[in-house]
Amino acid sequence: GCKHADFLFLQNLTGLSKGNLSQHLTKLEQGGMLEIEKTFEGKVPRTIIRLSSKGKTAIAEHWSRLEDLKQRAKEWQPASTKRVARVA
C-alpha cells in the first residue's frame, strides 16, 4: 500500500529496536530488496525506505504462494483413517 516509509514509522510498526531494525533493513538493502535514502530535514536526519523492483516482485510472489497455500488448504481432505482391530 505505500510508496515509501520512514524509519520511525517502521520502528513503531514492527516494535523493533533501532539497532535491530537497522540491521534488518541493511540486509534487505544488500539483497537488493530495498532502497534506502538518507536525507536531512533541517538538522534532523531522515531515512526513507522503498521497495526496489526486485523487492516488489518478491512480495508479489510471496503473496501469490500464500494465496495458493490458502486455496489448497481449503480443498484439502484428510485421508480416511482406518481403525485396525487389536488382537490380544
N, C-alpha and C. Protein backbone atom coordinates (compact mmCIF):
# COMPACT_ATOMS: atom_id res chain seq x y z
N GLY A 1 0.60 -1.18 0.00
CA GLY A 1 0.00 0.00 0.00
C GLY A 1 0.66 1.32 0.00
N CYS A 2 1.95 1.49 0.33
CA CYS A 2 2.51 2.84 0.33
C CYS A 2 3.75 2.88 -0.56
N LYS A 3 4.09 4.09 -1.00
CA LYS A 3 5.24 4.26 -1.89
C LYS A 3 6.56 4.19 -1.14
N HIS A 4 6.56 4.70 0.11
CA HIS A 4 7.76 4.65 0.94
C HIS A 4 7.36 4.82 2.40
N ALA A 5 8.28 4.51 3.28
CA ALA A 5 8.04 4.67 4.72
C ALA A 5 9.31 5.19 5.36
N ASP A 6 9.15 5.95 6.42
CA ASP A 6 10.36 6.40 7.10
C ASP A 6 10.71 5.44 8.23
N PHE A 7 11.93 5.56 8.70
CA PHE A 7 12.48 4.64 9.68
C PHE A 7 11.62 4.61 10.94
N LEU A 8 11.23 5.76 11.45
CA LEU A 8 10.46 5.80 12.70
C LEU A 8 9.10 5.13 12.55
N PHE A 9 8.47 5.30 11.39
CA PHE A 9 7.20 4.62 11.14
C PHE A 9 7.40 3.11 11.20
N LEU A 10 8.43 2.60 10.52
CA LEU A 10 8.70 1.16 10.52
C LEU A 10 9.07 0.66 11.91
N GLN A 11 9.79 1.48 12.66
CA GLN A 11 10.16 1.08 14.02
C GLN A 11 8.90 0.96 14.88
N ASN A 12 8.01 1.92 14.80
CA ASN A 12 6.76 1.85 15.56
C ASN A 12 5.89 0.69 15.11
N LEU A 13 5.84 0.45 13.82
CA LEU A 13 5.02 -0.62 13.26
C LEU A 13 5.51 -1.99 13.71
N THR A 14 6.83 -2.19 13.69
CA THR A 14 7.40 -3.51 13.98
C THR A 14 7.68 -3.73 15.46
N GLY A 15 7.89 -2.64 16.20
CA GLY A 15 8.25 -2.78 17.61
C GLY A 15 9.71 -3.16 17.81
N LEU A 16 10.51 -3.12 16.75
CA LEU A 16 11.93 -3.45 16.86
C LEU A 16 12.71 -2.28 17.42
N SER A 17 13.85 -2.60 18.03
CA SER A 17 14.75 -1.53 18.47
C SER A 17 15.38 -0.89 17.24
N LYS A 18 15.95 0.30 17.42
CA LYS A 18 16.61 0.98 16.29
C LYS A 18 17.70 0.11 15.70
N GLY A 19 18.50 -0.51 16.56
CA GLY A 19 19.60 -1.35 16.09
C GLY A 19 19.12 -2.56 15.31
N ASN A 20 18.09 -3.26 15.83
CA ASN A 20 17.58 -4.44 15.13
C ASN A 20 16.96 -4.07 13.79
N LEU A 21 16.15 -3.02 13.79
CA LEU A 21 15.54 -2.60 12.53
C LEU A 21 16.60 -2.19 11.52
N SER A 22 17.60 -1.46 11.97
CA SER A 22 18.68 -1.03 11.10
C SER A 22 19.39 -2.23 10.48
N GLN A 23 19.67 -3.26 11.28
CA GLN A 23 20.33 -4.46 10.76
C GLN A 23 19.46 -5.17 9.72
N HIS A 24 18.16 -5.31 10.01
CA HIS A 24 17.26 -5.96 9.05
C HIS A 24 17.21 -5.18 7.74
N LEU A 25 17.06 -3.87 7.85
CA LEU A 25 16.98 -3.05 6.64
C LEU A 25 18.26 -3.10 5.83
N THR A 26 19.40 -3.11 6.52
CA THR A 26 20.69 -3.19 5.83
C THR A 26 20.80 -4.49 5.04
N LYS A 27 20.40 -5.60 5.66
CA LYS A 27 20.48 -6.89 4.96
C LYS A 27 19.53 -6.92 3.76
N LEU A 28 18.32 -6.36 3.93
CA LEU A 28 17.39 -6.32 2.81
C LEU A 28 17.90 -5.42 1.69
N GLU A 29 18.56 -4.32 2.06
CA GLU A 29 19.15 -3.44 1.06
C GLU A 29 20.29 -4.14 0.33
N GLN A 30 21.13 -4.84 1.07
CA GLN A 30 22.25 -5.58 0.46
C GLN A 30 21.74 -6.66 -0.48
N GLY A 31 20.57 -7.23 -0.17
CA GLY A 31 19.97 -8.25 -1.03
C GLY A 31 19.21 -7.67 -2.22
N GLY A 32 19.21 -6.34 -2.32
CA GLY A 32 18.54 -5.70 -3.45
C GLY A 32 17.04 -5.57 -3.31
N MET A 33 16.50 -5.82 -2.11
CA MET A 33 15.06 -5.77 -1.90
C MET A 33 14.55 -4.37 -1.58
N LEU A 34 15.42 -3.54 -1.00
CA LEU A 34 15.04 -2.19 -0.58
C LEU A 34 15.99 -1.15 -1.14
N GLU A 35 15.48 0.06 -1.20
CA GLU A 35 16.30 1.23 -1.49
C GLU A 35 16.18 2.14 -0.27
N ILE A 36 17.30 2.56 0.27
CA ILE A 36 17.31 3.40 1.46
C ILE A 36 17.91 4.75 1.10
N GLU A 37 17.18 5.80 1.43
CA GLU A 37 17.61 7.16 1.15
C GLU A 37 17.74 7.91 2.47
N LYS A 38 18.92 8.43 2.73
CA LYS A 38 19.15 9.20 3.96
C LYS A 38 19.28 10.67 3.61
N THR A 39 18.43 11.47 4.24
CA THR A 39 18.42 12.91 3.99
C THR A 39 18.35 13.65 5.33
N PHE A 40 18.32 14.96 5.26
CA PHE A 40 18.12 15.79 6.44
C PHE A 40 16.97 16.73 6.19
N GLU A 41 16.13 16.92 7.20
CA GLU A 41 15.12 17.96 7.19
C GLU A 41 15.61 18.99 8.20
N GLY A 42 16.23 20.04 7.71
CA GLY A 42 16.94 20.95 8.60
C GLY A 42 18.15 20.22 9.14
N LYS A 43 18.22 20.08 10.45
CA LYS A 43 19.32 19.34 11.06
C LYS A 43 18.92 17.94 11.52
N VAL A 44 17.68 17.56 11.21
CA VAL A 44 17.17 16.26 11.66
C VAL A 44 17.34 15.22 10.56
N PRO A 45 18.05 14.12 10.86
CA PRO A 45 18.22 13.08 9.85
C PRO A 45 16.90 12.37 9.57
N ARG A 46 16.71 11.98 8.33
CA ARG A 46 15.50 11.25 7.94
C ARG A 46 15.90 10.12 7.01
N THR A 47 15.42 8.92 7.31
CA THR A 47 15.71 7.75 6.49
C THR A 47 14.41 7.28 5.85
N ILE A 48 14.41 7.23 4.52
CA ILE A 48 13.25 6.79 3.75
C ILE A 48 13.56 5.43 3.14
N ILE A 49 12.61 4.51 3.28
CA ILE A 49 12.79 3.16 2.77
C ILE A 49 11.73 2.89 1.71
N ARG A 50 12.19 2.35 0.57
CA ARG A 50 11.29 1.97 -0.53
C ARG A 50 11.61 0.54 -0.96
N LEU A 51 10.59 -0.17 -1.40
CA LEU A 51 10.83 -1.46 -2.02
C LEU A 51 11.46 -1.23 -3.39
N SER A 52 12.46 -2.01 -3.72
CA SER A 52 13.03 -1.97 -5.07
C SER A 52 12.12 -2.78 -5.99
N SER A 53 12.38 -2.75 -7.27
CA SER A 53 11.57 -3.57 -8.19
C SER A 53 11.74 -5.04 -7.85
N LYS A 54 12.95 -5.44 -7.46
CA LYS A 54 13.19 -6.83 -7.04
C LYS A 54 12.37 -7.14 -5.79
N GLY A 55 12.31 -6.20 -4.86
CA GLY A 55 11.53 -6.38 -3.64
C GLY A 55 10.04 -6.48 -3.92
N LYS A 56 9.55 -5.64 -4.84
CA LYS A 56 8.13 -5.67 -5.21
C LYS A 56 7.78 -7.02 -5.83
N THR A 57 8.67 -7.53 -6.69
CA THR A 57 8.44 -8.84 -7.31
C THR A 57 8.43 -9.94 -6.25
N ALA A 58 9.37 -9.88 -5.32
CA ALA A 58 9.45 -10.89 -4.27
C ALA A 58 8.20 -10.88 -3.39
N ILE A 59 7.71 -9.68 -3.05
CA ILE A 59 6.49 -9.57 -2.24
C ILE A 59 5.29 -10.12 -3.00
N ALA A 60 5.17 -9.79 -4.29
CA ALA A 60 4.06 -10.29 -5.10
C ALA A 60 4.09 -11.81 -5.18
N GLU A 61 5.29 -12.38 -5.36
CA GLU A 61 5.42 -13.84 -5.43
C GLU A 61 5.08 -14.47 -4.09
N HIS A 62 5.48 -13.84 -3.00
CA HIS A 62 5.18 -14.34 -1.65
C HIS A 62 3.67 -14.38 -1.43
N TRP A 63 2.97 -13.29 -1.75
CA TRP A 63 1.51 -13.25 -1.58
C TRP A 63 0.84 -14.29 -2.47
N SER A 64 1.36 -14.49 -3.67
CA SER A 64 0.80 -15.49 -4.57
C SER A 64 0.93 -16.89 -3.98
N ARG A 65 2.11 -17.19 -3.43
CA ARG A 65 2.31 -18.50 -2.80
C ARG A 65 1.39 -18.68 -1.60
N LEU A 66 1.20 -17.61 -0.80
CA LEU A 66 0.30 -17.69 0.34
C LEU A 66 -1.14 -17.93 -0.11
N GLU A 67 -1.57 -17.25 -1.16
CA GLU A 67 -2.92 -17.45 -1.69
C GLU A 67 -3.09 -18.89 -2.20
N ASP A 68 -2.06 -19.41 -2.88
CA ASP A 68 -2.10 -20.79 -3.36
C ASP A 68 -2.21 -21.76 -2.19
N LEU A 69 -1.42 -21.53 -1.15
CA LEU A 69 -1.47 -22.37 0.03
C LEU A 69 -2.84 -22.31 0.69
N LYS A 70 -3.40 -21.11 0.78
CA LYS A 70 -4.74 -20.93 1.35
C LYS A 70 -5.78 -21.73 0.56
N GLN A 71 -5.70 -21.66 -0.77
CA GLN A 71 -6.65 -22.39 -1.61
C GLN A 71 -6.49 -23.90 -1.45
N ARG A 72 -5.23 -24.36 -1.44
CA ARG A 72 -5.00 -25.80 -1.27
C ARG A 72 -5.46 -26.29 0.09
N ALA A 73 -5.32 -25.45 1.13
CA ALA A 73 -5.78 -25.82 2.46
C ALA A 73 -7.30 -25.96 2.49
N LYS A 74 -8.00 -25.09 1.76
CA LYS A 74 -9.47 -25.17 1.69
C LYS A 74 -9.90 -26.46 1.00
N GLU A 75 -9.14 -26.88 0.00
CA GLU A 75 -9.50 -28.06 -0.79
C GLU A 75 -9.02 -29.36 -0.16
N TRP A 76 -8.17 -29.29 0.84
CA TRP A 76 -7.57 -30.49 1.44
C TRP A 76 -8.61 -31.33 2.14
N GLN A 77 -8.55 -32.62 1.90
CA GLN A 77 -9.41 -33.58 2.59
C GLN A 77 -8.51 -34.57 3.31
N PRO A 78 -8.76 -34.79 4.59
CA PRO A 78 -7.90 -35.74 5.31
C PRO A 78 -8.07 -37.15 4.74
N ALA A 79 -6.99 -37.91 4.78
CA ALA A 79 -7.05 -39.29 4.33
C ALA A 79 -7.97 -40.05 5.28
N SER A 80 -8.70 -41.01 4.73
CA SER A 80 -9.60 -41.77 5.60
C SER A 80 -8.75 -42.54 6.60
N THR A 81 -9.23 -42.57 7.79
CA THR A 81 -8.50 -43.28 8.85
C THR A 81 -9.19 -44.60 9.09
N LYS A 82 -8.46 -45.64 8.86
CA LYS A 82 -8.99 -46.99 9.08
C LYS A 82 -8.57 -47.42 10.48
N ARG A 83 -9.52 -47.96 11.19
CA ARG A 83 -9.21 -48.49 12.51
C ARG A 83 -8.75 -49.93 12.34
N VAL A 84 -7.70 -50.22 12.98
CA VAL A 84 -7.16 -51.58 12.93
C VAL A 84 -7.56 -52.26 14.22
N ALA A 85 -8.17 -53.42 14.09
CA ALA A 85 -8.58 -54.16 15.29
C ALA A 85 -7.34 -54.71 15.98
N ARG A 86 -7.32 -54.52 17.27
CA ARG A 86 -6.19 -55.05 18.04
C ARG A 86 -6.49 -56.51 18.42
N VAL A 87 -5.53 -57.32 18.20
CA VAL A 87 -5.66 -58.72 18.58
C VAL A 87 -4.89 -58.90 19.86
N ALA A 88 -5.60 -59.43 20.88
CA ALA A 88 -4.94 -59.61 22.17
C ALA A 88 -4.39 -61.00 22.29
